[in-house]
Amino acid sequence: MKIAIPLADGKLSMHFGHCQEFALVDVDENTQQVLATQTLQPPGHQPGVLPAWLHELGANVIIAGGMGMRAQQLFVQNDIKVVIGAPAQSSEQLVNDYLAGNLETGENICDH
């Protein structure tokens, strides 16, 4: 499993399209252990670019604070599970909580 997390200042960016970088976290699905983490600069923010880019990188889950409906649809079309409403925490904390089934999500802070 590869989890994508949009970051700003080292924590979850509350709107994925305005992030400074993405953490891509490789996880062994059987042991639920983090295998590797890399941080990448995203391409420019244009409709449809980020879902396709993350799909090419092998991501199959994205954890976000907020995301518009069209973006959610594009991620699903690219076989990437969308988790929205996550708190502004570090990628390590978010992944650990997600794997443990303890990731608390709230409302989608994006309205477009």
PDB file of N, CA and C in Angstrom:
ATOM      1  N   MET A   1       0.848  -1.159   0.000  1.00  0.00           N
ATOM      2  CA  MET A   1       0.000   0.000   0.000  1.00  0.00           C
ATOM      3  C   MET A   1       0.902   1.234   0.000  1.00  0.00           C
ATOM      4  N   LYS A   2       0.492   2.247  -0.741  1.00  0.00           N
ATOM      5  CA  LYS A   2       1.218   3.513  -0.753  1.00  0.00           C
ATOM      6  C   LYS A   2       0.222   4.618  -0.432  1.00  0.00           C
ATOM      7  N   ILE A   3       0.520   5.350   0.647  1.00  0.00           N
ATOM      8  CA  ILE A   3      -0.363   6.405   1.136  1.00  0.00           C
ATOM      9  C   ILE A   3       0.234   7.757   0.778  1.00  0.00           C
ATOM     10  N   ALA A   4      -0.564   8.612   0.153  1.00  0.00           N
ATOM     11  CA  ALA A   4      -0.141   9.970  -0.201  1.00  0.00           C
ATOM     12  C   ALA A   4      -0.735  10.950   0.803  1.00  0.00           C
ATOM     13  N   ILE A   5       0.116  11.896   1.247  1.00  0.00           N
ATOM     14  CA  ILE A   5      -0.340  12.896   2.202  1.00  0.00           C
ATOM     15  C   ILE A   5       0.183  14.258   1.754  1.00  0.00           C
ATOM     16  N   PRO A   6      -0.716  15.201   1.449  1.00  0.00           N
ATOM     17  CA  PRO A   6      -0.284  16.543   1.062  1.00  0.00           C
ATOM     18  C   PRO A   6       0.196  17.309   2.299  1.00  0.00           C
ATOM     19  N   LEU A   7       1.372  17.919   2.198  1.00  0.00           N
ATOM     20  CA  LEU A   7       1.963  18.595   3.347  1.00  0.00           C
ATOM     21  C   LEU A   7       2.198  20.077   3.098  1.00  0.00           C
ATOM     22  N   ALA A   8       2.106  20.835   4.192  1.00  0.00           N
ATOM     23  CA  ALA A   8       2.500  22.242   4.223  1.00  0.00           C
ATOM     24  C   ALA A   8       3.162  22.455   5.579  1.00  0.00           C
ATOM     25  N   ASP A   9       4.382  22.913   5.564  1.00  0.00           N
ATOM     26  CA  ASP A   9       5.142  23.128   6.804  1.00  0.00           C
ATOM     27  C   ASP A   9       5.232  21.862   7.652  1.00  0.00           C
ATOM     28  N   GLY A  10       5.389  20.707   7.002  1.00  0.00           N
ATOM     29  CA  GLY A  10       5.594  19.448   7.702  1.00  0.00           C
ATOM     30  C   GLY A  10       4.351  18.784   8.262  1.00  0.00           C
ATOM     31  N   LYS A  11       3.188  19.387   8.055  1.00  0.00           N
ATOM     32  CA  LYS A  11       1.936  18.800   8.532  1.00  0.00           C
ATOM     33  C   LYS A  11       0.937  18.733   7.383  1.00  0.00           C
ATOM     34  N   LEU A  12      -0.131  17.988   7.614  1.00  0.00           N
ATOM     35  CA  LEU A  12      -1.167  17.844   6.591  1.00  0.00           C
ATOM     36  C   LEU A  12      -1.648  19.209   6.127  1.00  0.00           C
ATOM     37  N   SER A  13      -1.611  19.422   4.827  1.00  0.00           N
ATOM     38  CA  SER A  13      -2.164  20.637   4.232  1.00  0.00           C
ATOM     39  C   SER A  13      -3.671  20.471   4.216  1.00  0.00           C
ATOM     40  N   MET A  14      -4.383  21.452   4.717  1.00  0.00           N
ATOM     41  CA  MET A  14      -5.826  21.301   4.838  1.00  0.00           C
ATOM     42  C   MET A  14      -6.541  21.283   3.489  1.00  0.00           C
ATOM     43  N   HIS A  15      -5.897  21.709   2.423  1.00  0.00           N
ATOM     44  CA  HIS A  15      -6.444  21.554   1.076  1.00  0.00           C
ATOM     45  C   HIS A  15      -5.339  20.975   0.205  1.00  0.00           C
ATOM     46  N   PHE A  16      -5.558  19.772  -0.289  1.00  0.00           N
ATOM     47  CA  PHE A  16      -4.496  19.053  -0.986  1.00  0.00           C
ATOM     48  C   PHE A  16      -3.936  19.816  -2.177  1.00  0.00           C
ATOM     49  N   GLY A  17      -4.750  20.585  -2.865  1.00  0.00           N
ATOM     50  CA  GLY A  17      -4.301  21.284  -4.065  1.00  0.00           C
ATOM     51  C   GLY A  17      -3.363  22.442  -3.796  1.00  0.00           C
ATOM     52  N   HIS A  18      -3.244  22.846  -2.538  1.00  0.00           N
ATOM     53  CA  HIS A  18      -2.386  23.974  -2.188  1.00  0.00           C
ATOM     54  C   HIS A  18      -1.186  23.542  -1.360  1.00  0.00           C
ATOM     55  N   CYS A  19      -0.855  22.262  -1.413  1.00  0.00           N
ATOM     56  CA  CYS A  19       0.248  21.756  -0.604  1.00  0.00           C
ATOM     57  C   CYS A  19       1.602  22.135  -1.209  1.00  0.00           C
ATOM     58  N   GLN A  20       2.619  22.135  -0.343  1.00  0.00           N
ATOM     59  CA  GLN A  20       3.988  22.412  -0.768  1.00  0.00           C
ATOM     60  C   GLN A  20       4.677  21.151  -1.264  1.00  0.00           C
ATOM     61  N   GLU A  21       4.288  20.009  -0.690  1.00  0.00           N
ATOM     62  CA  GLU A  21       4.903  18.730  -1.045  1.00  0.00           C
ATOM     63  C   GLU A  21       3.966  17.593  -0.657  1.00  0.00           C
ATOM     64  N   PHE A  22       4.286  16.414  -1.160  1.00  0.00           N
ATOM     65  CA  PHE A  22       3.543  15.208  -0.811  1.00  0.00           C
ATOM     66  C   PHE A  22       4.484  14.221  -0.145  1.00  0.00           C
ATOM     67  N   ALA A  23       4.029  13.631   0.953  1.00  0.00           N
ATOM     68  CA  ALA A  23       4.716  12.485   1.533  1.00  0.00           C
ATOM     69  C   ALA A  23       4.077  11.255   0.895  1.00  0.00           C
ATOM     70  N   LEU A  24       4.910  10.352   0.411  1.00  0.00           N
ATOM     71  CA  LEU A  24       4.438   9.068  -0.102  1.00  0.00           C
ATOM     72  C   LEU A  24       5.003   7.995   0.815  1.00  0.00           C
ATOM     73  N   VAL A  25       4.110   7.288   1.477  1.00  0.00           N
ATOM     74  CA  VAL A  25       4.508   6.337   2.502  1.00  0.00           C
ATOM     75  C   VAL A  25       4.182   4.927   2.034  1.00  0.00           C
ATOM     76  N   ASP A  26       5.224   4.111   1.881  1.00  0.00           N
ATOM     77  CA  ASP A  26       5.049   2.701   1.518  1.00  0.00           C
ATOM     78  C   ASP A  26       4.816   1.893   2.781  1.00  0.00           C
ATOM     79  N   VAL A  27       3.745   1.079   2.763  1.00  0.00           N
ATOM     80  CA  VAL A  27       3.370   0.285   3.919  1.00  0.00           C
ATOM     81  C   VAL A  27       3.213  -1.171   3.507  1.00  0.00           C
ATOM     82  N   ASP A  28       3.753  -2.083   4.312  1.00  0.00           N
ATOM     83  CA  ASP A  28       3.523  -3.506   4.111  1.00  0.00           C
ATOM     84  C   ASP A  28       2.118  -3.810   4.631  1.00  0.00           C
ATOM     85  N   GLU A  29       1.233  -4.213   3.742  1.00  0.00           N
ATOM     86  CA  GLU A  29      -0.163  -4.427   4.136  1.00  0.00           C
ATOM     87  C   GLU A  29      -0.326  -5.582   5.115  1.00  0.00           C
ATOM     88  N   ASN A  30       0.555  -6.573   5.052  1.00  0.00           N
ATOM     89  CA  ASN A  30       0.440  -7.716   5.958  1.00  0.00           C
ATOM     90  C   ASN A  30       0.879  -7.378   7.375  1.00  0.00           C
ATOM     91  N   THR A  31       1.994  -6.669   7.516  1.00  0.00           N
ATOM     92  CA  THR A  31       2.520  -6.349   8.848  1.00  0.00           C
ATOM     93  C   THR A  31       2.087  -4.978   9.342  1.00  0.00           C
ATOM     94  N   GLN A  32       1.519  -4.151   8.441  1.00  0.00           N
ATOM     95  CA  GLN A  32       1.114  -2.782   8.765  1.00  0.00           C
ATOM     96  C   GLN A  32       2.306  -1.929   9.202  1.00  0.00           C
ATOM     97  N   GLN A  33       3.484  -2.257   8.692  1.00  0.00           N
ATOM     98  CA  GLN A  33       4.696  -1.523   9.021  1.00  0.00           C
ATOM     99  C   GLN A  33       5.077  -0.586   7.884  1.00  0.00           C
ATOM    100  N   VAL A  34       5.567   0.598   8.250  1.00  0.00           N
ATOM    101  CA  VAL A  34       6.043   1.556   7.256  1.00  0.00           C
ATOM    102  C   VAL A  34       7.383   1.060   6.726  1.00  0.00           C
ATOM    103  N   LEU A  35       7.483   0.940   5.412  1.00  0.00           N
ATOM    104  CA  LEU A  35       8.709   0.472   4.771  1.00  0.00           C
ATOM    105  C   LEU A  35       9.609   1.621   4.334  1.00  0.00           C
ATOM    106  N   ALA A  36       9.000   2.683   3.833  1.00  0.00           N
ATOM    107  CA  ALA A  36       9.776   3.820   3.342  1.00  0.00           C
ATOM    108  C   ALA A  36       8.861   5.028   3.212  1.00  0.00           C
ATOM    109  N   THR A  37       9.466   6.198   3.326  1.00  0.00           N
ATOM    110  CA  THR A  37       8.739   7.448   3.123  1.00  0.00           C
ATOM    111  C   THR A  37       9.584   8.343   2.231  1.00  0.00           C
ATOM    112  N   GLN A  38       8.954   8.917   1.234  1.00  0.00           N
ATOM    113  CA  GLN A  38       9.648   9.895   0.399  1.00  0.00           C
ATOM    114  C   GLN A  38       8.791  11.149   0.307  1.00  0.00           C
ATOM    115  N   THR A  39       9.465  12.279   0.139  1.00  0.00           N
ATOM    116  CA  THR A  39       8.774  13.553   0.017  1.00  0.00           C
ATOM    117  C   THR A  39       9.072  14.113  -1.363  1.00  0.00           C
ATOM    118  N   LEU A  40       8.001  14.459  -2.091  1.00  0.00           N
ATOM    119  CA  LEU A  40       8.137  14.913  -3.471  1.00  0.00           C
ATOM    120  C   LEU A  40       7.428  16.238  -3.684  1.00  0.00           C
ATOM    121  N   GLN A  41       7.973  17.024  -4.590  1.00  0.00           N
ATOM    122  CA  GLN A  41       7.320  18.264  -5.007  1.00  0.00           C
ATOM    123  C   GLN A  41       6.245  17.911  -6.041  1.00  0.00           C
ATOM    124  N   PRO A  42       5.020  18.387  -5.854  1.00  0.00           N
ATOM    125  CA  PRO A  42       3.963  18.071  -6.822  1.00  0.00           C
ATOM    126  C   PRO A  42       4.087  18.933  -8.073  1.00  0.00           C
ATOM    127  N   PRO A  43       3.506  18.455  -9.157  1.00  0.00           N
ATOM    128  CA  PRO A  43       3.417  19.311 -10.351  1.00  0.00           C
ATOM    129  C   PRO A  43       2.446  20.453 -10.074  1.00  0.00           C
ATOM    130  N   GLY A  44       2.370  21.397 -10.956  1.00  0.00           N
ATOM    131  CA  GLY A  44       1.462  22.533 -10.788  1.00  0.00           C
ATOM    132  C   GLY A  44       0.028  22.098 -10.573  1.00  0.00           C
ATOM    133  N   HIS A  45      -0.705  22.889  -9.800  1.00  0.00           N
ATOM    134  CA  HIS A  45      -2.100  22.562  -9.477  1.00  0.00           C
ATOM    135  C   HIS A  45      -3.013  22.938 -10.640  1.00  0.00           C
ATOM    136  N   GLN A  46      -3.467  21.903 -11.341  1.00  0.00           N
ATOM    137  CA  GLN A  46      -4.451  22.050 -12.406  1.00  0.00           C
ATOM    138  C   GLN A  46      -5.410  20.884 -12.267  1.00  0.00           C
ATOM    139  N   PRO A  47      -6.667  21.071 -12.650  1.00  0.00           N
ATOM    140  CA  PRO A  47      -7.642  19.989 -12.499  1.00  0.00           C
ATOM    141  C   PRO A  47      -7.165  18.678 -13.129  1.00  0.00           C
ATOM    142  N   GLY A  48      -7.191  17.623 -12.339  1.00  0.00           N
ATOM    143  CA  GLY A  48      -6.874  16.288 -12.826  1.00  0.00           C
ATOM    144  C   GLY A  48      -5.411  15.908 -12.802  1.00  0.00           C
ATOM    145  N   VAL A  49      -4.506  16.847 -12.594  1.00  0.00           N
ATOM    146  CA  VAL A  49      -3.074  16.552 -12.646  1.00  0.00           C
ATOM    147  C   VAL A  49      -2.621  15.724 -11.442  1.00  0.00           C
ATOM    148  N   LEU A  50      -2.992  16.137 -10.236  1.00  0.00           N
ATOM    149  CA  LEU A  50      -2.503  15.440  -9.043  1.00  0.00           C
ATOM    150  C   LEU A  50      -3.007  13.997  -8.931  1.00  0.00           C
ATOM    151  N   PRO A  51      -4.277  13.704  -9.200  1.00  0.00           N
ATOM    152  CA  PRO A  51      -4.702  12.304  -9.138  1.00  0.00           C
ATOM    153  C   PRO A  51      -3.927  11.415 -10.113  1.00  0.00           C
ATOM    154  N   ALA A  52      -3.716  11.880 -11.331  1.00  0.00           N
ATOM    155  CA  ALA A  52      -2.979  11.076 -12.320  1.00  0.00           C
ATOM    156  C   ALA A  52      -1.522  10.917 -11.901  1.00  0.00           C
ATOM    157  N   TRP A  53      -0.903  11.991 -11.404  1.00  0.00           N
ATOM    158  CA  TRP A  53       0.492  11.949 -10.966  1.00  0.00           C
ATOM    159  C   TRP A  53       0.669  10.965  -9.816  1.00  0.00           C
ATOM    160  N   LEU A  54      -0.212  11.040  -8.815  1.00  0.00           N
ATOM    161  CA  LEU A  54      -0.098  10.130  -7.676  1.00  0.00           C
ATOM    162  C   LEU A  54      -0.380   8.683  -8.082  1.00  0.00           C
ATOM    163  N   HIS A  55      -1.289   8.489  -9.016  1.00  0.00           N
ATOM    164  CA  HIS A  55      -1.557   7.141  -9.536  1.00  0.00           C
ATOM    165  C   HIS A  55      -0.296   6.570 -10.200  1.00  0.00           C
ATOM    166  N   GLU A  56       0.375   7.388 -11.007  1.00  0.00           N
ATOM    167  CA  GLU A  56       1.612   6.949 -11.665  1.00  0.00           C
ATOM    168  C   GLU A  56       2.688   6.585 -10.650  1.00  0.00           C
ATOM    169  N   LEU A  57       2.683   7.249  -9.502  1.00  0.00           N
ATOM    170  CA  LEU A  57       3.659   6.968  -8.451  1.00  0.00           C
ATOM    171  C   LEU A  57       3.271   5.754  -7.605  1.00  0.00           C
ATOM    172  N   GLY A  58       2.085   5.191  -7.871  1.00  0.00           N
ATOM    173  CA  GLY A  58       1.660   3.982  -7.175  1.00  0.00           C
ATOM    174  C   GLY A  58       0.810   4.198  -5.943  1.00  0.00           C
ATOM    175  N   ALA A  59       0.393   5.434  -5.682  1.00  0.00           N
ATOM    176  CA  ALA A  59      -0.446   5.696  -4.508  1.00  0.00           C
ATOM    177  C   ALA A  59      -1.799   5.013  -4.670  1.00  0.00           C
ATOM    178  N   ASN A  60      -2.306   4.443  -3.571  1.00  0.00           N
ATOM    179  CA  ASN A  60      -3.654   3.882  -3.612  1.00  0.00           C
ATOM    180  C   ASN A  60      -4.536   4.379  -2.475  1.00  0.00           C
ATOM    181  N   VAL A  61      -3.994   5.296  -1.645  1.00  0.00           N
ATOM    182  CA  VAL A  61      -4.771   5.977  -0.608  1.00  0.00           C
ATOM    183  C   VAL A  61      -4.263   7.410  -0.538  1.00  0.00           C
ATOM    184  N   ILE A  62      -5.170   8.374  -0.378  1.00  0.00           N
ATOM    185  CA  ILE A  62      -4.773   9.749  -0.076  1.00  0.00           C
ATOM    186  C   ILE A  62      -5.517  10.177   1.171  1.00  0.00           C
ATOM    187  N   ILE A  63      -4.758  10.744   2.111  1.00  0.00           N
ATOM    188  CA  ILE A  63      -5.342  11.302   3.327  1.00  0.00           C
ATOM    189  C   ILE A  63      -5.284  12.808   3.172  1.00  0.00           C
ATOM    190  N   ALA A  64      -6.440  13.472   3.282  1.00  0.00           N
ATOM    191  CA  ALA A  64      -6.505  14.915   3.054  1.00  0.00           C
ATOM    192  C   ALA A  64      -7.379  15.576   4.104  1.00  0.00           C
ATOM    193  N   GLY A  65      -7.188  16.876   4.257  1.00  0.00           N
ATOM    194  CA  GLY A  65      -8.049  17.655   5.136  1.00  0.00           C
ATOM    195  C   GLY A  65      -9.325  18.027   4.406  1.00  0.00           C
ATOM    196  N   GLY A  66      -9.158  18.568   3.213  1.00  0.00           N
ATOM    197  CA  GLY A  66     -10.296  18.965   2.411  1.00  0.00           C
ATOM    198  C   GLY A  66     -10.035  18.721   0.941  1.00  0.00           C
ATOM    199  N   MET A  67     -11.125  18.458   0.209  1.00  0.00           N
ATOM    200  CA  MET A  67     -11.000  18.145  -1.214  1.00  0.00           C
ATOM    201  C   MET A  67     -12.358  18.326  -1.881  1.00  0.00           C
ATOM    202  N   GLY A  68     -12.366  19.008  -3.015  1.00  0.00           N
ATOM    203  CA  GLY A  68     -13.594  19.189  -3.769  1.00  0.00           C
ATOM    204  C   GLY A  68     -14.129  17.874  -4.314  1.00  0.00           C
ATOM    205  N   MET A  69     -15.416  17.871  -4.628  1.00  0.00           N
ATOM    206  CA  MET A  69     -16.067  16.645  -5.125  1.00  0.00           C
ATOM    207  C   MET A  69     -15.455  16.152  -6.427  1.00  0.00           C
ATOM    208  N   ARG A  70     -15.129  17.059  -7.340  1.00  0.00           N
ATOM    209  CA  ARG A  70     -14.552  16.639  -8.620  1.00  0.00           C
ATOM    210  C   ARG A  70     -13.197  15.963  -8.408  1.00  0.00           C
ATOM    211  N   ALA A  71     -12.395  16.529  -7.519  1.00  0.00           N
ATOM    212  CA  ALA A  71     -11.098  15.918  -7.214  1.00  0.00           C
ATOM    213  C   ALA A  71     -11.291  14.531  -6.603  1.00  0.00           C
ATOM    214  N   GLN A  72     -12.256  14.400  -5.710  1.00  0.00           N
ATOM    215  CA  GLN A  72     -12.536  13.087  -5.117  1.00  0.00           C
ATOM    216  C   GLN A  72     -12.882  12.070  -6.200  1.00  0.00           C
ATOM    217  N   GLN A  73     -13.712  12.486  -7.152  1.00  0.00           N
ATOM    218  CA  GLN A  73     -14.089  11.593  -8.245  1.00  0.00           C
ATOM    219  C   GLN A  73     -12.874  11.199  -9.081  1.00  0.00           C
ATOM    220  N   LEU A  74     -11.986  12.146  -9.341  1.00  0.00           N
ATOM    221  CA  LEU A  74     -10.788  11.858 -10.136  1.00  0.00           C
ATOM    222  C   LEU A  74      -9.858  10.891  -9.410  1.00  0.00           C
ATOM    223  N   PHE A  75      -9.744  11.024  -8.102  1.00  0.00           N
ATOM    224  CA  PHE A  75      -8.921  10.075  -7.353  1.00  0.00           C
ATOM    225  C   PHE A  75      -9.519   8.675  -7.427  1.00  0.00           C
ATOM    226  N   VAL A  76     -10.837   8.575  -7.251  1.00  0.00           N
ATOM    227  CA  VAL A  76     -11.492   7.268  -7.326  1.00  0.00           C
ATOM    228  C   VAL A  76     -11.308   6.659  -8.720  1.00  0.00           C
ATOM    229  N   GLN A  77     -11.412   7.474  -9.758  1.00  0.00           N
ATOM    230  CA  GLN A  77     -11.199   6.982 -11.125  1.00  0.00           C
ATOM    231  C   GLN A  77      -9.769   6.486 -11.332  1.00  0.00           C
ATOM    232  N   ASN A  78      -8.836   7.000 -10.529  1.00  0.00           N
ATOM    233  CA  ASN A  78      -7.443   6.573 -10.599  1.00  0.00           C
ATOM    234  C   ASN A  78      -7.119   5.499  -9.558  1.00  0.00           C
ATOM    235  N   ASP A  79      -8.161   4.829  -9.048  1.00  0.00           N
ATOM    236  CA  ASP A  79      -8.013   3.737  -8.077  1.00  0.00           C
ATOM    237  C   ASP A  79      -7.293   4.156  -6.807  1.00  0.00           C
ATOM    238  N   ILE A  80      -7.583   5.372  -6.335  1.00  0.00           N
ATOM    239  CA  ILE A  80      -7.000   5.882  -5.101  1.00  0.00           C
ATOM    240  C   ILE A  80      -8.135   6.152  -4.118  1.00  0.00           C
ATOM    241  N   LYS A  81      -8.090   5.464  -2.974  1.00  0.00           N
ATOM    242  CA  LYS A  81      -9.090   5.650  -1.922  1.00  0.00           C
ATOM    243  C   LYS A  81      -8.886   7.021  -1.294  1.00  0.00           C
ATOM    244  N   VAL A  82      -9.967   7.759  -1.092  1.00  0.00           N
ATOM    245  CA  VAL A  82      -9.914   9.110  -0.540  1.00  0.00           C
ATOM    246  C   VAL A  82     -10.389   9.095   0.919  1.00  0.00           C
ATOM    247  N   VAL A  83      -9.540   9.630   1.792  1.00  0.00           N
ATOM    248  CA  VAL A  83      -9.880   9.810   3.203  1.00  0.00           C
ATOM    249  C   VAL A  83      -9.800  11.313   3.463  1.00  0.00           C
ATOM    250  N   ILE A  84     -10.931  11.940   3.770  1.00  0.00           N
ATOM    251  CA  ILE A  84     -10.938  13.396   3.966  1.00  0.00           C
ATOM    252  C   ILE A  84     -11.372  13.759   5.382  1.00  0.00           C
ATOM    253  N   GLY A  85     -11.076  14.992   5.745  1.00  0.00           N
ATOM    254  CA  GLY A  85     -11.439  15.482   7.067  1.00  0.00           C
ATOM    255  C   GLY A  85     -10.404  15.152   8.130  1.00  0.00           C
ATOM    256  N   ALA A  86      -9.186  14.782   7.708  1.00  0.00           N
ATOM    257  CA  ALA A  86      -8.131  14.444   8.662  1.00  0.00           C
ATOM    258  C   ALA A  86      -7.578  15.716   9.306  1.00  0.00           C
ATOM    259  N   PRO A  87      -7.028  15.590  10.518  1.00  0.00           N
ATOM    260  CA  PRO A  87      -6.465  16.754  11.207  1.00  0.00           C
ATOM    261  C   PRO A  87      -5.073  17.114  10.689  1.00  0.00           C
ATOM    262  N   ALA A  88      -4.643  18.332  10.966  1.00  0.00           N
ATOM    263  CA  ALA A  88      -3.330  18.823  10.527  1.00  0.00           C
ATOM    264  C   ALA A  88      -2.240  18.262  11.436  1.00  0.00           C
ATOM    265  N   GLN A  89      -1.833  17.029  11.143  1.00  0.00           N
ATOM    266  CA  GLN A  89      -0.786  16.356  11.904  1.00  0.00           C
ATOM    267  C   GLN A  89       0.340  15.957  10.956  1.00  0.00           C
ATOM    268  N   SER A  90       1.408  15.409  11.509  1.00  0.00           N
ATOM    269  CA  SER A  90       2.522  14.935  10.689  1.00  0.00           C
ATOM    270  C   SER A  90       2.098  13.707   9.890  1.00  0.00           C
ATOM    271  N   SER A  91       2.801  13.447   8.804  1.00  0.00           N
ATOM    272  CA  SER A  91       2.482  12.273   7.989  1.00  0.00           C
ATOM    273  C   SER A  91       2.656  10.990   8.795  1.00  0.00           C
ATOM    274  N   GLU A  92       3.662  10.939   9.667  1.00  0.00           N
ATOM    275  CA  GLU A  92       3.894   9.746  10.481  1.00  0.00           C
ATOM    276  C   GLU A  92       2.698   9.466  11.386  1.00  0.00           C
ATOM    277  N   GLN A  93       2.203  10.505  12.044  1.00  0.00           N
ATOM    278  CA  GLN A  93       1.059  10.333  12.949  1.00  0.00           C
ATOM    279  C   GLN A  93      -0.190   9.916  12.177  1.00  0.00           C
ATOM    280  N   LEU A  94      -0.423  10.548  11.034  1.00  0.00           N
ATOM    281  CA  LEU A  94      -1.599  10.219  10.231  1.00  0.00           C
ATOM    282  C   LEU A  94      -1.563   8.774   9.747  1.00  0.00           C
ATOM    283  N   VAL A  95      -0.406   8.344   9.265  1.00  0.00           N
ATOM    284  CA  VAL A  95      -0.287   6.962   8.776  1.00  0.00           C
ATOM    285  C   VAL A  95      -0.460   5.976   9.920  1.00  0.00           C
ATOM    286  N   ASN A  96       0.184   6.238  11.049  1.00  0.00           N
ATOM    287  CA  ASN A  96       0.042   5.334  12.193  1.00  0.00           C
ATOM    288  C   ASN A  96      -1.408   5.235  12.648  1.00  0.00           C
ATOM    289  N   ASP A  97      -2.090   6.375  12.716  1.00  0.00           N
ATOM    290  CA  ASP A  97      -3.503   6.361  13.115  1.00  0.00           C
ATOM    291  C   ASP A  97      -4.363   5.633  12.082  1.00  0.00           C
ATOM    292  N   TYR A  98      -4.083   5.862  10.801  1.00  0.00           N
ATOM    293  CA  TYR A  98      -4.846   5.205   9.732  1.00  0.00           C
ATOM    294  C   TYR A  98      -4.673   3.685   9.814  1.00  0.00           C
ATOM    295  N   LEU A  99      -3.438   3.237   9.969  1.00  0.00           N
ATOM    296  CA  LEU A  99      -3.165   1.805  10.021  1.00  0.00           C
ATOM    297  C   LEU A  99      -3.792   1.150  11.252  1.00  0.00           C
ATOM    298  N   ALA A 100      -3.839   1.890  12.351  1.00  0.00           N
ATOM    299  CA  ALA A 100      -4.419   1.357  13.588  1.00  0.00           C
ATOM    300  C   ALA A 100      -5.940   1.456  13.609  1.00  0.00           C
ATOM    301  N   GLY A 101      -6.505   2.099  12.576  1.00  0.00           N
ATOM    302  CA  GLY A 101      -7.953   2.281  12.540  1.00  0.00           C
ATOM    303  C   GLY A 101      -8.424   3.381  13.476  1.00  0.00           C
ATOM    304  N   ASN A 102      -7.498   4.269  13.868  1.00  0.00           N
ATOM    305  CA  ASN A 102      -7.812   5.327  14.834  1.00  0.00           C
ATOM    306  C   ASN A 102      -7.797   6.723  14.228  1.00  0.00           C
ATOM    307  N   LEU A 103      -7.727   6.840  12.922  1.00  0.00           N
ATOM    308  CA  LEU A 103      -7.663   8.164  12.302  1.00  0.00           C
ATOM    309  C   LEU A 103      -9.029   8.830  12.429  1.00  0.00           C
ATOM    310  N   GLU A 104      -9.067   9.898  13.195  1.00  0.00           N
ATOM    311  CA  GLU A 104     -10.311  10.626  13.378  1.00  0.00           C
ATOM    312  C   GLU A 104     -10.468  11.622  12.243  1.00  0.00           C
ATOM    313  N   THR A 105     -11.574  11.516  11.549  1.00  0.00           N
ATOM    314  CA  THR A 105     -11.855  12.432  10.447  1.00  0.00           C
ATOM    315  C   THR A 105     -13.080  13.260  10.790  1.00  0.00           C
ATOM    316  N   GLY A 106     -13.053  14.487  10.301  1.00  0.00           N
ATOM    317  CA  GLY A 106     -14.178  15.383  10.535  1.00  0.00           C
ATOM    318  C   GLY A 106     -14.797  15.751   9.206  1.00  0.00           C
ATOM    319  N   GLU A 107     -15.261  16.966   9.133  1.00  0.00           N
ATOM    320  CA  GLU A 107     -15.914  17.423   7.915  1.00  0.00           C
ATOM    321  C   GLU A 107     -14.895  17.807   6.867  1.00  0.00           C
ATOM    322  N   ASN A 108     -15.296  17.682   5.622  1.00  0.00           N
ATOM    323  CA  ASN A 108     -14.498  18.137   4.493  1.00  0.00           C
ATOM    324  C   ASN A 108     -14.474  19.658   4.536  1.00  0.00           C
ATOM    325  N   ILE A 109     -13.282  20.234   4.684  1.00  0.00           N
ATOM    326  CA  ILE A 109     -13.206  21.697   4.796  1.00  0.00           C
ATOM    327  C   ILE A 109     -13.238  22.395   3.451  1.00  0.00           C
ATOM    328  N   CYS A 110     -13.327  21.634   2.387  1.00  0.00           N
ATOM    329  CA  CYS A 110     -13.354  22.220   1.039  1.00  0.00           C
ATOM    330  C   CYS A 110     -14.796  22.254   0.531  1.00  0.00           C
ATOM    331  N   ASP A 111     -15.182  23.370  -0.091  1.00  0.00           N
ATOM    332  CA  ASP A 111     -16.565  23.495  -0.558  1.00  0.00           C
ATOM    333  C   ASP A 111     -16.692  23.611  -2.059  1.00  0.00           C
ATOM    334  N   HIS A 112     -15.660  23.189  -2.800  1.00  0.00           N
ATOM    335  CA  HIS A 112     -15.778  23.244  -4.259  1.00  0.00           C
ATOM    336  C   HIS A 112     -15.397  21.924  -4.887  1.00  0.00           C
TER     337      HIS A 112
END
